[in-house]
């Protein structure tokens, strides 16, 4: 059972991480829980942005990463607006764009 009162440390933006956060979003119902999910989404966004910047500086095409970053940003805004299930859907969309 997940404890929704804790912030989960975000190590990456892998499909596993995105899926775990999507599940936590779907279970979050209180304002406090959504604030914590927003913090987790912020960290995912920062990690995507960091990799995207590094890849851009190396001349790598970052279209997929840009789309992931956009979906994570949308998920954050949806959580902030009290729509955690739609935010979870955005994270699931981001999962389909990742390259392994």
Protein backbone atom coordinates (compact mmCIF):
# COMPACT_ATOMS: atom_id res chain seq x y z
CA UNK A 1 0.00 0.00 0.00
CA UNK A 2 1.33 3.41 -0.94
CA UNK A 3 1.52 6.21 1.57
CA UNK A 4 0.19 9.27 -0.22
CA UNK A 5 1.41 11.54 2.58
CA UNK A 6 5.03 11.05 1.54
CA UNK A 7 6.97 12.53 -1.35
CA UNK A 8 8.63 9.76 -3.31
CA UNK A 9 12.23 10.53 -4.33
CA UNK A 10 12.40 10.87 -8.11
CA UNK A 11 15.55 9.31 -9.57
CA UNK A 12 14.67 9.44 -13.28
CA UNK A 13 11.78 9.77 -15.71
CA UNK A 14 11.59 6.13 -16.76
CA UNK A 15 8.31 4.48 -17.65
CA UNK A 16 8.36 2.80 -14.24
CA UNK A 17 8.68 6.17 -12.49
CA UNK A 18 5.94 7.74 -14.61
CA UNK A 19 3.62 4.79 -14.04
CA UNK A 20 4.20 4.89 -10.28
CA UNK A 21 3.41 8.59 -10.14
CA UNK A 22 0.34 8.10 -12.35
CA UNK A 23 -0.95 5.53 -9.89
CA UNK A 24 -0.25 7.84 -6.96
CA UNK A 25 -2.09 10.65 -8.74
CA UNK A 26 -5.13 8.44 -9.26
CA UNK A 27 -5.22 7.67 -5.54
CA UNK A 28 -4.69 11.29 -4.43
CA UNK A 29 -7.88 13.04 -3.42
CA UNK A 30 -6.93 15.70 -0.90
CA UNK A 31 -5.43 19.09 -1.58
CA UNK A 32 -2.37 18.12 0.45
CA UNK A 33 -1.82 14.97 -1.59
CA UNK A 34 -2.04 16.93 -4.82
CA UNK A 35 0.57 19.40 -3.57
CA UNK A 36 2.91 16.48 -2.91
CA UNK A 37 2.25 15.05 -6.38
CA UNK A 38 3.02 18.47 -7.86
CA UNK A 39 6.39 18.38 -6.11
CA UNK A 40 7.10 14.98 -7.65
CA UNK A 41 6.02 16.25 -11.08
CA UNK A 42 8.32 19.27 -10.67
CA UNK A 43 11.26 16.94 -10.13
CA UNK A 44 10.39 14.83 -13.16
CA UNK A 45 10.12 18.00 -15.27
CA UNK A 46 13.54 19.17 -14.05
CA UNK A 47 15.10 15.83 -14.93
CA UNK A 48 13.57 15.80 -18.42
CA UNK A 49 14.65 19.41 -18.97
CA UNK A 50 18.21 18.66 -17.87
CA UNK A 51 18.55 15.71 -20.25
CA UNK A 52 16.90 17.66 -23.04
CA UNK A 53 19.31 20.58 -22.64
CA UNK A 54 22.31 18.25 -22.59
CA UNK A 55 21.09 16.44 -25.70
CA UNK A 56 20.37 19.71 -27.54
CA UNK A 57 23.88 20.94 -26.76
CA UNK A 58 25.21 17.72 -28.28
CA UNK A 59 23.20 18.23 -31.45
CA UNK A 60 20.73 15.43 -30.76
CA UNK A 61 17.11 15.70 -31.92
CA UNK A 62 15.01 16.23 -28.79
CA UNK A 63 11.49 16.22 -30.24
CA UNK A 64 10.49 13.20 -28.13
CA UNK A 65 11.91 14.75 -24.98
CA UNK A 66 10.14 18.03 -25.72
CA UNK A 67 6.85 16.14 -25.94
CA UNK A 68 7.53 14.31 -22.66
CA UNK A 69 8.39 17.60 -20.96
CA UNK A 70 5.18 19.19 -22.30
CA UNK A 71 3.04 16.29 -21.06
CA UNK A 72 4.66 16.39 -17.61
CA UNK A 73 4.03 20.15 -17.47
CA UNK A 74 0.38 19.57 -18.43
CA UNK A 75 0.11 16.85 -15.77
CA UNK A 76 1.43 19.31 -13.19
CA UNK A 77 -1.15 21.94 -14.14
CA UNK A 78 -3.97 19.38 -14.14
CA UNK A 79 -2.98 18.20 -10.66
CA UNK A 80 -2.88 21.82 -9.50
CA UNK A 81 -6.39 22.30 -10.90
CA UNK A 82 -7.68 19.26 -8.99
CA UNK A 83 -7.75 16.83 -11.93
CA UNK A 84 -5.39 14.05 -10.81
CA UNK A 85 -6.87 11.38 -13.08
CA UNK A 86 -6.37 13.49 -16.19
CA UNK A 87 -2.86 14.29 -14.94
CA UNK A 88 -2.22 10.55 -14.68
CA UNK A 89 -3.42 10.14 -18.27
CA UNK A 90 -0.84 12.70 -19.42
CA UNK A 91 1.93 10.73 -17.71
CA UNK A 92 0.77 7.57 -19.43
CA UNK A 93 0.90 9.40 -22.76
CA UNK A 94 4.46 10.45 -21.97
CA UNK A 95 5.39 6.81 -21.37
CA UNK A 96 4.62 5.91 -24.98
CA UNK A 97 7.11 8.50 -26.25
CA UNK A 98 10.18 7.32 -24.41
CA UNK A 99 13.02 5.49 -26.03
CA UNK A 100 14.76 2.79 -24.03
